[in-house]
PDB file of all heavy atoms in Angstrom:
ATOM      1  N   SER A   1     -17.194   6.678  -5.332  1.00  0.00           N
ATOM      2  CA  SER A   1     -18.227   5.993  -6.168  1.00  0.00           C
ATOM      3  C   SER A   1     -19.450   6.020  -5.336  1.00  0.00           C
ATOM      4  O   SER A   1     -19.580   6.488  -4.202  1.00  0.00           O
ATOM      5  CB  SER A   1     -17.681   4.563  -6.499  1.00  0.00           C
ATOM      6  OG  SER A   1     -17.623   3.824  -5.297  1.00  0.00           O
ATOM      7  N   ALA A   2     -20.430   5.348  -5.851  1.00  0.00           N
ATOM      8  CA  ALA A   2     -21.740   5.259  -5.160  1.00  0.00           C
ATOM      9  C   ALA A   2     -21.636   4.486  -3.857  1.00  0.00           C
ATOM     10  O   ALA A   2     -22.434   4.657  -2.875  1.00  0.00           O
ATOM     11  CB  ALA A   2     -22.797   4.523  -6.117  1.00  0.00           C
ATOM     12  N   THR A   3     -20.619   3.624  -3.683  1.00  0.00           N
ATOM     13  CA  THR A   3     -20.560   2.820  -2.562  1.00  0.00           C
ATOM     14  C   THR A   3     -19.175   2.924  -1.749  1.00  0.00           C
ATOM     15  O   THR A   3     -19.058   2.374  -0.701  1.00  0.00           O
ATOM     16  CB  THR A   3     -20.722   1.308  -2.855  1.00  0.00           C
ATOM     17  OG1 THR A   3     -19.716   0.962  -3.863  1.00  0.00           O
ATOM     18  CG2 THR A   3     -22.019   0.990  -3.517  1.00  0.00           C
ATOM     19  N   PHE A   4     -18.246   3.812  -2.251  1.00  0.00           N
ATOM     20  CA  PHE A   4     -16.963   3.841  -1.670  1.00  0.00           C
ATOM     21  C   PHE A   4     -16.355   5.169  -1.721  1.00  0.00           C
ATOM     22  O   PHE A   4     -16.456   5.776  -2.850  1.00  0.00           O
ATOM     23  CB  PHE A   4     -16.050   2.775  -2.144  1.00  0.00           C
ATOM     24  CG  PHE A   4     -14.592   2.831  -1.700  1.00  0.00           C
ATOM     25  CD1 PHE A   4     -14.382   2.246  -0.426  1.00  0.00           C
ATOM     26  CD2 PHE A   4     -13.580   3.426  -2.415  1.00  0.00           C
ATOM     27  CE1 PHE A   4     -13.070   2.310   0.062  1.00  0.00           C
ATOM     28  CE2 PHE A   4     -12.320   3.531  -1.908  1.00  0.00           C
ATOM     29  CZ  PHE A   4     -12.010   3.004  -0.686  1.00  0.00           C
ATOM     30  N   THR A   5     -15.659   5.632  -0.684  1.00  0.00           N
ATOM     31  CA  THR A   5     -14.920   6.925  -0.610  1.00  0.00           C
ATOM     32  C   THR A   5     -13.603   6.576  -0.004  1.00  0.00           C
ATOM     33  O   THR A   5     -13.622   6.117   1.141  1.00  0.00           O
ATOM     34  CB  THR A   5     -15.730   8.017  -0.077  1.00  0.00           C
ATOM     35  OG1 THR A   5     -16.934   8.267  -0.689  1.00  0.00           O
ATOM     36  CG2 THR A   5     -14.858   9.370  -0.063  1.00  0.00           C
ATOM     37  N   GLY A   6     -12.424   6.890  -0.753  1.00  0.00           N
ATOM     38  CA  GLY A   6     -11.212   6.606  -0.008  1.00  0.00           C
ATOM     39  C   GLY A   6     -10.137   7.187  -0.915  1.00  0.00           C
ATOM     40  O   GLY A   6     -10.437   8.153  -1.596  1.00  0.00           O
ATOM     41  N   TYR A   7      -8.861   6.722  -0.641  1.00  0.00           N
ATOM     42  CA  TYR A   7      -7.798   7.279  -1.421  1.00  0.00           C
ATOM     43  C   TYR A   7      -6.861   6.147  -2.048  1.00  0.00           C
ATOM     44  O   TYR A   7      -6.888   4.985  -1.497  1.00  0.00           O
ATOM     45  CB  TYR A   7      -6.844   8.062  -0.424  1.00  0.00           C
ATOM     46  CG  TYR A   7      -7.438   9.347   0.043  1.00  0.00           C
ATOM     47  CD1 TYR A   7      -8.216   9.336   1.201  1.00  0.00           C
ATOM     48  CD2 TYR A   7      -7.356  10.575  -0.689  1.00  0.00           C
ATOM     49  CE1 TYR A   7      -8.719  10.570   1.716  1.00  0.00           C
ATOM     50  CE2 TYR A   7      -8.014  11.716  -0.277  1.00  0.00           C
ATOM     51  CZ  TYR A   7      -8.657  11.664   0.951  1.00  0.00           C
ATOM     52  OH  TYR A   7      -9.296  12.778   1.394  1.00  0.00           O
ATOM     53  N   GLU A   8      -6.332   6.486  -3.061  1.00  0.00           N
ATOM     54  CA  GLU A   8      -5.466   5.452  -3.779  1.00  0.00           C
ATOM     55  C   GLU A   8      -4.090   6.171  -3.846  1.00  0.00           C
ATOM     56  O   GLU A   8      -3.912   7.322  -4.249  1.00  0.00           O
ATOM     57  CB  GLU A   8      -5.896   5.047  -5.189  1.00  0.00           C
ATOM     58  CG  GLU A   8      -5.117   4.154  -5.788  1.00  0.00           C
ATOM     59  CD  GLU A   8      -5.638   3.891  -7.255  1.00  0.00           C
ATOM     60  OE1 GLU A   8      -6.002   4.755  -7.915  1.00  0.00           O
ATOM     61  OE2 GLU A   8      -5.513   2.641  -7.635  1.00  0.00           O
ATOM     62  N   ALA A   9      -2.953   5.422  -3.700  1.00  0.00           N
ATOM     63  CA  ALA A   9      -1.582   5.917  -3.750  1.00  0.00           C
ATOM     64  C   ALA A   9      -0.843   4.988  -4.769  1.00  0.00           C
ATOM     65  O   ALA A   9      -0.882   3.760  -4.807  1.00  0.00           O
ATOM     66  CB  ALA A   9      -0.818   5.927  -2.443  1.00  0.00           C
ATOM     67  N   ASN A  10      -0.063   5.609  -5.720  1.00  0.00           N
ATOM     68  CA  ASN A  10       0.719   4.872  -6.601  1.00  0.00           C
ATOM     69  C   ASN A  10       2.114   5.507  -6.695  1.00  0.00           C
ATOM     70  O   ASN A  10       2.364   6.624  -6.569  1.00  0.00           O
ATOM     71  CB  ASN A  10       0.066   4.982  -7.957  1.00  0.00           C
ATOM     72  CG  ASN A  10      -1.192   4.233  -8.064  1.00  0.00           C
ATOM     73  OD1 ASN A  10      -1.236   2.870  -7.809  1.00  0.00           O
ATOM     74  ND2 ASN A  10      -2.329   4.816  -8.481  1.00  0.00           N
ATOM     75  N   GLY A  11       3.055   4.585  -6.959  1.00  0.00           N
ATOM     76  CA  GLY A  11       4.501   4.950  -7.078  1.00  0.00           C
ATOM     77  C   GLY A  11       5.333   3.929  -6.441  1.00  0.00           C
ATOM     78  O   GLY A  11       4.903   3.031  -5.818  1.00  0.00           O
ATOM     79  N   GLU A  12       6.670   4.015  -6.782  1.00  0.00           N
ATOM     80  CA  GLU A  12       7.571   2.943  -6.308  1.00  0.00           C
ATOM     81  C   GLU A  12       7.583   2.987  -4.759  1.00  0.00           C
ATOM     82  O   GLU A  12       7.769   1.857  -4.128  1.00  0.00           O
ATOM     83  CB  GLU A  12       9.033   3.404  -6.794  1.00  0.00           C
ATOM     84  CG  GLU A  12      10.027   2.355  -6.365  1.00  0.00           C
ATOM     85  CD  GLU A  12      11.378   2.674  -6.876  1.00  0.00           C
ATOM     86  OE1 GLU A  12      11.515   3.027  -8.037  1.00  0.00           O
ATOM     87  OE2 GLU A  12      12.331   2.709  -6.064  1.00  0.00           O
ATOM     88  N   VAL A  13       7.386   4.199  -4.032  1.00  0.00           N
ATOM     89  CA  VAL A  13       7.446   4.087  -2.619  1.00  0.00           C
ATOM     90  C   VAL A  13       6.368   3.148  -2.004  1.00  0.00           C
ATOM     91  O   VAL A  13       6.685   2.564  -0.982  1.00  0.00           O
ATOM     92  CB  VAL A  13       7.182   5.561  -2.072  1.00  0.00           C
ATOM     93  CG1 VAL A  13       5.777   6.137  -2.552  1.00  0.00           C
ATOM     94  CG2 VAL A  13       7.266   5.628  -0.614  1.00  0.00           C
ATOM     95  N   VAL A  14       5.290   2.999  -2.726  1.00  0.00           N
ATOM     96  CA  VAL A  14       4.143   2.145  -2.200  1.00  0.00           C
ATOM     97  C   VAL A  14       4.619   0.717  -2.246  1.00  0.00           C
ATOM     98  O   VAL A  14       4.452  -0.084  -1.225  1.00  0.00           O
ATOM     99  CB  VAL A  14       2.904   2.358  -3.104  1.00  0.00           C
ATOM    100  CG1 VAL A  14       1.711   1.417  -2.391  1.00  0.00           C
ATOM    101  CG2 VAL A  14       2.459   3.787  -3.048  1.00  0.00           C
ATOM    102  N   HIS A  15       5.152   0.275  -3.346  1.00  0.00           N
ATOM    103  CA  HIS A  15       5.464  -1.084  -3.698  1.00  0.00           C
ATOM    104  C   HIS A  15       6.694  -1.552  -2.590  1.00  0.00           C
ATOM    105  O   HIS A  15       6.767  -2.619  -2.147  1.00  0.00           O
ATOM    106  CB  HIS A  15       5.899  -1.408  -5.122  1.00  0.00           C
ATOM    107  CG  HIS A  15       4.726  -1.164  -5.957  1.00  0.00           C
ATOM    108  ND1 HIS A  15       3.811  -2.114  -6.214  1.00  0.00           N
ATOM    109  CD2 HIS A  15       4.349  -0.121  -6.764  1.00  0.00           C
ATOM    110  CE1 HIS A  15       2.788  -1.727  -7.010  1.00  0.00           C
ATOM    111  NE2 HIS A  15       3.263  -0.441  -7.403  1.00  0.00           N
ATOM    112  N   VAL A  16       7.692  -0.627  -2.492  1.00  0.00           N
ATOM    113  CA  VAL A  16       8.777  -0.864  -1.696  1.00  0.00           C
ATOM    114  C   VAL A  16       8.271  -1.133  -0.143  1.00  0.00           C
ATOM    115  O   VAL A  16       8.726  -1.888   0.558  1.00  0.00           O
ATOM    116  CB  VAL A  16       9.945   0.195  -1.747  1.00  0.00           C
ATOM    117  CG1 VAL A  16      10.973  -0.046  -0.718  1.00  0.00           C
ATOM    118  CG2 VAL A  16      10.448   0.187  -3.159  1.00  0.00           C
ATOM    119  N   ALA A  17       7.412  -0.194   0.237  1.00  0.00           N
ATOM    120  CA  ALA A  17       6.890  -0.351   1.593  1.00  0.00           C
ATOM    121  C   ALA A  17       6.262  -1.684   1.865  1.00  0.00           C
ATOM    122  O   ALA A  17       6.474  -2.277   2.889  1.00  0.00           O
ATOM    123  CB  ALA A  17       5.910   0.763   1.817  1.00  0.00           C
ATOM    124  N   ALA A  18       5.494  -2.170   0.879  1.00  0.00           N
ATOM    125  CA  ALA A  18       4.857  -3.464   0.984  1.00  0.00           C
ATOM    126  C   ALA A  18       5.891  -4.587   1.070  1.00  0.00           C
ATOM    127  O   ALA A  18       5.741  -5.559   1.745  1.00  0.00           O
ATOM    128  CB  ALA A  18       3.898  -3.638  -0.290  1.00  0.00           C
ATOM    129  N   ARG A  19       6.924  -4.405   0.164  1.00  0.00           N
ATOM    130  CA  ARG A  19       7.913  -5.432   0.229  1.00  0.00           C
ATOM    131  C   ARG A  19       8.704  -5.512   1.542  1.00  0.00           C
ATOM    132  O   ARG A  19       9.074  -6.579   2.159  1.00  0.00           O
ATOM    133  CB  ARG A  19       8.953  -5.173  -0.954  1.00  0.00           C
ATOM    134  CG  ARG A  19       8.431  -5.322  -2.335  1.00  0.00           C
ATOM    135  CD  ARG A  19       8.213  -6.770  -2.697  1.00  0.00           C
ATOM    136  NE  ARG A  19       8.060  -6.826  -4.154  1.00  0.00           N
ATOM    137  CZ  ARG A  19       6.816  -6.835  -4.752  1.00  0.00           C
ATOM    138  NH1 ARG A  19       5.730  -6.677  -4.033  1.00  0.00           N
ATOM    139  NH2 ARG A  19       6.802  -6.956  -6.046  1.00  0.00           N
ATOM    140  N   VAL A  20       8.954  -4.274   2.083  1.00  0.00           N
ATOM    141  CA  VAL A  20       9.657  -4.239   3.384  1.00  0.00           C
ATOM    142  C   VAL A  20       8.743  -4.774   4.535  1.00  0.00           C
ATOM    143  O   VAL A  20       9.315  -5.529   5.320  1.00  0.00           O
ATOM    144  CB  VAL A  20      10.005  -2.786   3.657  1.00  0.00           C
ATOM    145  CG1 VAL A  20      10.506  -2.597   5.174  1.00  0.00           C
ATOM    146  CG2 VAL A  20      11.084  -2.264   2.799  1.00  0.00           C
ATOM    147  N   GLU A  21       7.479  -4.615   4.447  1.00  0.00           N
ATOM    148  CA  GLU A  21       6.635  -5.187   5.524  1.00  0.00           C
ATOM    149  C   GLU A  21       6.720  -6.767   5.295  1.00  0.00           C
ATOM    150  O   GLU A  21       6.798  -7.432   6.406  1.00  0.00           O
ATOM    151  CB  GLU A  21       5.152  -4.831   5.243  1.00  0.00           C
ATOM    152  CG  GLU A  21       4.266  -5.351   6.282  1.00  0.00           C
ATOM    153  CD  GLU A  21       3.003  -5.813   5.612  1.00  0.00           C
ATOM    154  OE1 GLU A  21       2.932  -6.158   4.298  1.00  0.00           O
ATOM    155  OE2 GLU A  21       1.901  -5.936   6.351  1.00  0.00           O
ATOM    156  N   GLN A  22       6.881  -7.222   4.174  1.00  0.00           N
ATOM    157  CA  GLN A  22       6.855  -8.687   3.970  1.00  0.00           C
ATOM    158  C   GLN A  22       8.193  -9.306   4.514  1.00  0.00           C
ATOM    159  O   GLN A  22       8.286 -10.494   4.803  1.00  0.00           O
ATOM    160  CB  GLN A  22       6.720  -9.147   2.506  1.00  0.00           C
ATOM    161  CG  GLN A  22       5.206  -8.788   2.068  1.00  0.00           C
ATOM    162  CD  GLN A  22       5.120  -8.770   0.547  1.00  0.00           C
ATOM    163  OE1 GLN A  22       6.095  -9.168  -0.168  1.00  0.00           O
ATOM    164  NE2 GLN A  22       4.140  -8.221  -0.039  1.00  0.00           N
ATOM    165  N   MET A  23       9.242  -8.553   4.571  1.00  0.00           N
ATOM    166  CA  MET A  23      10.487  -8.960   5.186  1.00  0.00           C
ATOM    167  C   MET A  23      10.434  -9.100   6.751  1.00  0.00           C
ATOM    168  O   MET A  23      11.280  -9.858   7.258  1.00  0.00           O
ATOM    169  CB  MET A  23      11.623  -8.012   4.808  1.00  0.00           C
ATOM    170  CG  MET A  23      12.018  -7.787   3.417  1.00  0.00           C
ATOM    171  SD  MET A  23      13.270  -6.564   3.429  1.00  0.00           S
ATOM    172  CE  MET A  23      13.375  -6.151   1.611  1.00  0.00           C
ATOM    173  N   ALA A  24       9.488  -8.424   7.330  1.00  0.00           N
ATOM    174  CA  ALA A  24       9.546  -8.255   8.751  1.00  0.00           C
ATOM    175  C   ALA A  24       9.187  -9.654   9.441  1.00  0.00           C
ATOM    176  O   ALA A  24       8.287 -10.341   8.993  1.00  0.00           O
ATOM    177  CB  ALA A  24       8.515  -7.214   9.202  1.00  0.00           C
ATOM    178  N   GLN A  25       9.975  -9.966  10.527  1.00  0.00           N
ATOM    179  CA  GLN A  25       9.690 -11.075  11.366  1.00  0.00           C
ATOM    180  C   GLN A  25       8.567 -10.670  12.409  1.00  0.00           C
ATOM    181  O   GLN A  25       8.092  -9.603  12.289  1.00  0.00           O
ATOM    182  CB  GLN A  25      11.004 -11.551  11.986  1.00  0.00           C
ATOM    183  CG  GLN A  25      12.029 -11.962  11.086  1.00  0.00           C
ATOM    184  CD  GLN A  25      11.633 -13.143  10.256  1.00  0.00           C
ATOM    185  OE1 GLN A  25      11.109 -14.169  10.595  1.00  0.00           O
ATOM    186  NE2 GLN A  25      11.844 -12.951   8.874  1.00  0.00           N
ATOM    187  N   GLU A  26       8.340 -11.654  13.261  1.00  0.00           N
ATOM    188  CA  GLU A  26       7.315 -11.489  14.340  1.00  0.00           C
ATOM    189  C   GLU A  26       7.427 -10.217  15.061  1.00  0.00           C
ATOM    190  O   GLU A  26       8.422 -10.009  15.724  1.00  0.00           O
ATOM    191  CB  GLU A  26       7.317 -12.690  15.144  1.00  0.00           C
ATOM    192  CG  GLU A  26       6.088 -12.636  16.227  1.00  0.00           C
ATOM    193  CD  GLU A  26       6.070 -13.847  17.037  1.00  0.00           C
ATOM    194  OE1 GLU A  26       6.637 -14.941  16.661  1.00  0.00           O
ATOM    195  OE2 GLU A  26       5.483 -13.905  18.125  1.00  0.00           O
TER     196      GLU A  26
END
């Protein structure tokens, strides 16, 4: 866009990775 350049990823793999991170302890 006029103010941003980057990448977007979609799929089950993305959501599961986020859930796994939330399981992690310190």
